[in-house]
Amino acid sequence: MGKDLHSLELLERHHKFPGAYTFKVIAFHGPGLASELAAAVRGVVGREPRELSTRPSRSGRYLGVTLEVDVASAGEVLKIYEALKDVEGIVVLV
């Protein structure tokens, strides 16, 4: 609980809510990865990300995904992070 409280305080201090929030993901490149990430967001906020872009690594092994999402609160941001963590193959989530 302490970590979540600290994260909430940081988010509220450095971001304006409601508003757009950007999530960046690096994951093993696989079919449907971007769709799975969008579905995770949709499961929390009930709508598609405002923007979703992808960029494969040079080798094609990894895929970078940027999701811009309209969020209502810092708590919603943390819920989205939790939902994204459940997507298989994620290496980095920021």
N, C-alpha and C. Protein backbone atom coordinates (compact mmCIF):
# COMPACT_ATOMS: atom_id res chain seq x y z
N MET A 1 0.82 -1.20 0.00
CA MET A 1 0.00 0.00 0.00
C MET A 1 0.86 1.26 0.00
N GLY A 2 1.99 1.24 0.71
CA GLY A 2 2.85 2.40 0.78
C GLY A 2 3.40 2.79 -0.58
N LYS A 3 3.77 1.79 -1.39
CA LYS A 3 4.30 2.06 -2.72
C LYS A 3 3.22 2.71 -3.59
N ASP A 4 1.99 2.18 -3.52
CA ASP A 4 0.89 2.76 -4.30
C ASP A 4 0.60 4.19 -3.88
N LEU A 5 0.63 4.45 -2.59
CA LEU A 5 0.37 5.80 -2.09
C LEU A 5 1.45 6.76 -2.58
N HIS A 6 2.70 6.32 -2.53
CA HIS A 6 3.80 7.15 -3.02
C HIS A 6 3.64 7.40 -4.53
N SER A 7 3.30 6.37 -5.28
CA SER A 7 3.09 6.52 -6.72
C SER A 7 1.95 7.48 -7.02
N LEU A 8 0.87 7.37 -6.27
CA LEU A 8 -0.27 8.29 -6.45
C LEU A 8 0.16 9.73 -6.20
N GLU A 9 0.90 9.94 -5.13
CA GLU A 9 1.35 11.29 -4.79
C GLU A 9 2.25 11.87 -5.88
N LEU A 10 3.16 11.05 -6.41
CA LEU A 10 4.04 11.52 -7.48
C LEU A 10 3.25 11.87 -8.75
N LEU A 11 2.34 10.98 -9.11
CA LEU A 11 1.52 11.24 -10.30
C LEU A 11 0.71 12.52 -10.15
N GLU A 12 0.10 12.69 -9.00
CA GLU A 12 -0.74 13.87 -8.78
C GLU A 12 0.10 15.15 -8.74
N ARG A 13 1.34 15.03 -8.30
CA ARG A 13 2.20 16.20 -8.24
C ARG A 13 2.71 16.62 -9.63
N HIS A 14 2.91 15.63 -10.52
CA HIS A 14 3.56 15.92 -11.80
C HIS A 14 2.66 15.87 -13.03
N HIS A 15 1.39 15.51 -12.85
CA HIS A 15 0.47 15.43 -13.98
C HIS A 15 -0.85 16.09 -13.62
N LYS A 16 -1.52 16.60 -14.63
CA LYS A 16 -2.86 17.17 -14.43
C LYS A 16 -3.90 16.14 -14.81
N PHE A 17 -4.87 15.95 -13.97
CA PHE A 17 -5.96 15.01 -14.22
C PHE A 17 -7.27 15.76 -14.16
N PRO A 18 -8.22 15.42 -15.00
CA PRO A 18 -8.12 14.43 -16.08
C PRO A 18 -7.25 14.95 -17.21
N GLY A 19 -6.74 14.02 -17.99
CA GLY A 19 -5.89 14.39 -19.11
C GLY A 19 -5.26 13.17 -19.75
N ALA A 20 -4.39 13.43 -20.70
CA ALA A 20 -3.72 12.35 -21.42
C ALA A 20 -2.49 11.88 -20.64
N TYR A 21 -2.24 10.58 -20.69
CA TYR A 21 -1.07 9.99 -20.05
C TYR A 21 -0.45 9.02 -21.05
N THR A 22 0.87 9.02 -21.15
CA THR A 22 1.57 8.17 -22.12
C THR A 22 2.21 6.98 -21.42
N PHE A 23 1.93 5.80 -21.95
CA PHE A 23 2.52 4.55 -21.48
C PHE A 23 3.44 4.05 -22.59
N LYS A 24 4.63 3.59 -22.21
CA LYS A 24 5.58 3.04 -23.18
C LYS A 24 5.88 1.60 -22.78
N VAL A 25 5.83 0.73 -23.78
CA VAL A 25 6.01 -0.70 -23.55
C VAL A 25 7.05 -1.23 -24.53
N ILE A 26 7.94 -2.07 -24.05
CA ILE A 26 8.81 -2.84 -24.92
C ILE A 26 8.52 -4.30 -24.59
N ALA A 27 8.23 -5.06 -25.65
CA ALA A 27 7.86 -6.46 -25.44
C ALA A 27 8.40 -7.31 -26.57
N PHE A 28 8.42 -8.62 -26.37
CA PHE A 28 8.77 -9.52 -27.45
C PHE A 28 7.73 -9.36 -28.54
N HIS A 29 8.20 -9.22 -29.77
CA HIS A 29 7.30 -9.00 -30.91
C HIS A 29 6.49 -10.27 -31.15
N GLY A 30 5.19 -10.13 -31.13
CA GLY A 30 4.32 -11.27 -31.39
C GLY A 30 3.03 -10.80 -32.02
N PRO A 31 2.34 -11.69 -32.69
CA PRO A 31 1.10 -11.30 -33.35
C PRO A 31 0.06 -10.84 -32.32
N GLY A 32 -0.56 -9.72 -32.61
CA GLY A 32 -1.63 -9.24 -31.75
C GLY A 32 -1.19 -8.50 -30.50
N LEU A 33 0.10 -8.24 -30.34
CA LEU A 33 0.58 -7.59 -29.12
C LEU A 33 -0.08 -6.23 -28.91
N ALA A 34 -0.08 -5.40 -29.93
CA ALA A 34 -0.67 -4.06 -29.81
C ALA A 34 -2.15 -4.15 -29.47
N SER A 35 -2.84 -5.10 -30.06
CA SER A 35 -4.27 -5.30 -29.77
C SER A 35 -4.49 -5.73 -28.33
N GLU A 36 -3.61 -6.59 -27.82
CA GLU A 36 -3.72 -7.02 -26.43
C GLU A 36 -3.51 -5.86 -25.47
N LEU A 37 -2.53 -5.01 -25.79
CA LEU A 37 -2.28 -3.85 -24.94
C LEU A 37 -3.47 -2.89 -24.96
N ALA A 38 -4.03 -2.65 -26.15
CA ALA A 38 -5.21 -1.78 -26.26
C ALA A 38 -6.38 -2.38 -25.50
N ALA A 39 -6.53 -3.69 -25.55
CA ALA A 39 -7.62 -4.35 -24.83
C ALA A 39 -7.44 -4.20 -23.32
N ALA A 40 -6.20 -4.24 -22.84
CA ALA A 40 -5.93 -4.06 -21.41
C ALA A 40 -6.35 -2.66 -20.98
N VAL A 41 -6.03 -1.67 -21.81
CA VAL A 41 -6.44 -0.29 -21.51
C VAL A 41 -7.96 -0.18 -21.53
N ARG A 42 -8.56 -0.74 -22.55
CA ARG A 42 -10.02 -0.70 -22.69
C ARG A 42 -10.72 -1.34 -21.48
N GLY A 43 -10.11 -2.39 -20.94
CA GLY A 43 -10.68 -3.05 -19.78
C GLY A 43 -10.72 -2.17 -18.54
N VAL A 44 -9.84 -1.18 -18.48
CA VAL A 44 -9.81 -0.27 -17.34
C VAL A 44 -10.65 0.98 -17.58
N VAL A 45 -10.47 1.62 -18.74
CA VAL A 45 -11.13 2.91 -18.98
C VAL A 45 -12.37 2.81 -19.84
N GLY A 46 -12.61 1.64 -20.46
CA GLY A 46 -13.82 1.45 -21.24
C GLY A 46 -13.79 2.04 -22.63
N ARG A 47 -12.60 2.43 -23.09
CA ARG A 47 -12.47 2.98 -24.45
C ARG A 47 -11.04 2.72 -24.96
N GLU A 48 -10.88 2.93 -26.26
CA GLU A 48 -9.57 2.73 -26.89
C GLU A 48 -8.60 3.83 -26.45
N PRO A 49 -7.29 3.54 -26.52
CA PRO A 49 -6.32 4.60 -26.31
C PRO A 49 -6.52 5.71 -27.34
N ARG A 50 -6.22 6.93 -26.95
CA ARG A 50 -6.32 8.08 -27.86
C ARG A 50 -5.39 7.86 -29.05
N GLU A 51 -4.22 7.33 -28.76
CA GLU A 51 -3.22 7.08 -29.79
C GLU A 51 -2.45 5.82 -29.45
N LEU A 52 -2.09 5.05 -30.48
CA LEU A 52 -1.30 3.85 -30.28
C LEU A 52 -0.34 3.77 -31.46
N SER A 53 0.96 3.72 -31.18
CA SER A 53 1.94 3.58 -32.25
C SER A 53 2.91 2.47 -31.89
N THR A 54 3.46 1.84 -32.93
CA THR A 54 4.40 0.73 -32.71
C THR A 54 5.67 0.98 -33.51
N ARG A 55 6.74 0.38 -33.00
CA ARG A 55 8.03 0.47 -33.69
C ARG A 55 8.81 -0.81 -33.40
N PRO A 56 9.07 -1.61 -34.42
CA PRO A 56 9.85 -2.83 -34.21
C PRO A 56 11.33 -2.52 -34.01
N SER A 57 12.02 -3.37 -33.29
CA SER A 57 13.47 -3.23 -33.15
C SER A 57 14.12 -3.61 -34.47
N ARG A 58 15.38 -3.25 -34.62
CA ARG A 58 16.09 -3.58 -35.88
C ARG A 58 16.05 -5.07 -36.18
N SER A 59 16.21 -5.87 -35.14
CA SER A 59 16.23 -7.32 -35.34
C SER A 59 14.82 -7.89 -35.51
N GLY A 60 13.82 -7.10 -35.12
CA GLY A 60 12.44 -7.60 -35.20
C GLY A 60 12.03 -8.45 -34.01
N ARG A 61 12.94 -8.63 -33.08
CA ARG A 61 12.64 -9.46 -31.91
C ARG A 61 11.72 -8.74 -30.92
N TYR A 62 11.84 -7.44 -30.84
CA TYR A 62 11.08 -6.65 -29.88
C TYR A 62 10.17 -5.66 -30.61
N LEU A 63 9.15 -5.22 -29.91
CA LEU A 63 8.26 -4.20 -30.44
C LEU A 63 8.08 -3.14 -29.36
N GLY A 64 8.33 -1.89 -29.74
CA GLY A 64 8.06 -0.77 -28.85
C GLY A 64 6.66 -0.27 -29.14
N VAL A 65 5.87 -0.07 -28.10
CA VAL A 65 4.50 0.40 -28.26
C VAL A 65 4.29 1.61 -27.36
N THR A 66 3.76 2.68 -27.94
CA THR A 66 3.42 3.87 -27.18
C THR A 66 1.91 4.01 -27.20
N LEU A 67 1.32 4.15 -26.02
CA LEU A 67 -0.12 4.31 -25.89
C LEU A 67 -0.40 5.63 -25.18
N GLU A 68 -1.18 6.48 -25.79
CA GLU A 68 -1.61 7.70 -25.14
C GLU A 68 -3.07 7.51 -24.77
N VAL A 69 -3.36 7.67 -23.48
CA VAL A 69 -4.68 7.32 -22.96
C VAL A 69 -5.25 8.51 -22.19
N ASP A 70 -6.52 8.80 -22.43
CA ASP A 70 -7.21 9.80 -21.62
C ASP A 70 -7.59 9.15 -20.29
N VAL A 71 -7.08 9.72 -19.20
CA VAL A 71 -7.34 9.15 -17.87
C VAL A 71 -8.00 10.19 -16.97
N ALA A 72 -8.77 9.70 -16.02
CA ALA A 72 -9.50 10.58 -15.12
C ALA A 72 -8.71 10.92 -13.86
N SER A 73 -7.80 10.01 -13.46
CA SER A 73 -7.12 10.21 -12.18
C SER A 73 -5.80 9.43 -12.13
N ALA A 74 -5.01 9.74 -11.12
CA ALA A 74 -3.77 9.00 -10.89
C ALA A 74 -4.06 7.54 -10.59
N GLY A 75 -5.14 7.29 -9.87
CA GLY A 75 -5.53 5.92 -9.57
C GLY A 75 -5.81 5.11 -10.82
N GLU A 76 -6.41 5.76 -11.81
CA GLU A 76 -6.69 5.08 -13.08
C GLU A 76 -5.38 4.74 -13.80
N VAL A 77 -4.40 5.61 -13.71
CA VAL A 77 -3.08 5.33 -14.31
C VAL A 77 -2.50 4.06 -13.69
N LEU A 78 -2.54 3.95 -12.38
CA LEU A 78 -1.99 2.76 -11.70
C LEU A 78 -2.76 1.50 -12.09
N LYS A 79 -4.07 1.61 -12.25
CA LYS A 79 -4.87 0.45 -12.68
C LYS A 79 -4.48 0.02 -14.09
N ILE A 80 -4.20 0.97 -14.97
CA ILE A 80 -3.78 0.63 -16.32
C ILE A 80 -2.43 -0.06 -16.30
N TYR A 81 -1.49 0.45 -15.49
CA TYR A 81 -0.19 -0.22 -15.36
C TYR A 81 -0.38 -1.67 -14.92
N GLU A 82 -1.24 -1.90 -13.95
CA GLU A 82 -1.48 -3.27 -13.48
C GLU A 82 -2.05 -4.14 -14.60
N ALA A 83 -2.98 -3.60 -15.38
CA ALA A 83 -3.57 -4.36 -16.48
C ALA A 83 -2.54 -4.65 -17.57
N LEU A 84 -1.68 -3.69 -17.87
CA LEU A 84 -0.66 -3.89 -18.89
C LEU A 84 0.35 -4.95 -18.47
N LYS A 85 0.67 -5.00 -17.18
CA LYS A 85 1.63 -6.00 -16.66
C LYS A 85 1.17 -7.42 -16.93
N ASP A 86 -0.13 -7.63 -17.08
CA ASP A 86 -0.67 -8.97 -17.30
C ASP A 86 -0.52 -9.44 -18.74
N VAL A 87 -0.14 -8.54 -19.65
CA VAL A 87 0.04 -8.93 -21.05
C VAL A 87 1.36 -9.69 -21.16
N GLU A 88 1.30 -10.86 -21.76
CA GLU A 88 2.46 -11.73 -21.86
C GLU A 88 3.53 -11.15 -22.79
N GLY A 89 4.78 -11.28 -22.39
CA GLY A 89 5.90 -10.91 -23.24
C GLY A 89 6.48 -9.53 -22.98
N ILE A 90 5.95 -8.81 -22.00
CA ILE A 90 6.46 -7.47 -21.72
C ILE A 90 7.84 -7.56 -21.07
N VAL A 91 8.76 -6.74 -21.58
CA VAL A 91 10.11 -6.67 -21.04
C VAL A 91 10.26 -5.42 -20.20
N VAL A 92 9.76 -4.27 -20.70
CA VAL A 92 9.87 -2.99 -20.01
C VAL A 92 8.52 -2.28 -20.12
N LEU A 93 8.11 -1.65 -19.02
CA LEU A 93 6.86 -0.89 -18.98
C LEU A 93 7.12 0.41 -18.23
N VAL A 94 7.00 1.54 -18.93
CA VAL A 94 7.21 2.84 -18.29
C VAL A 94 6.09 3.79 -18.64
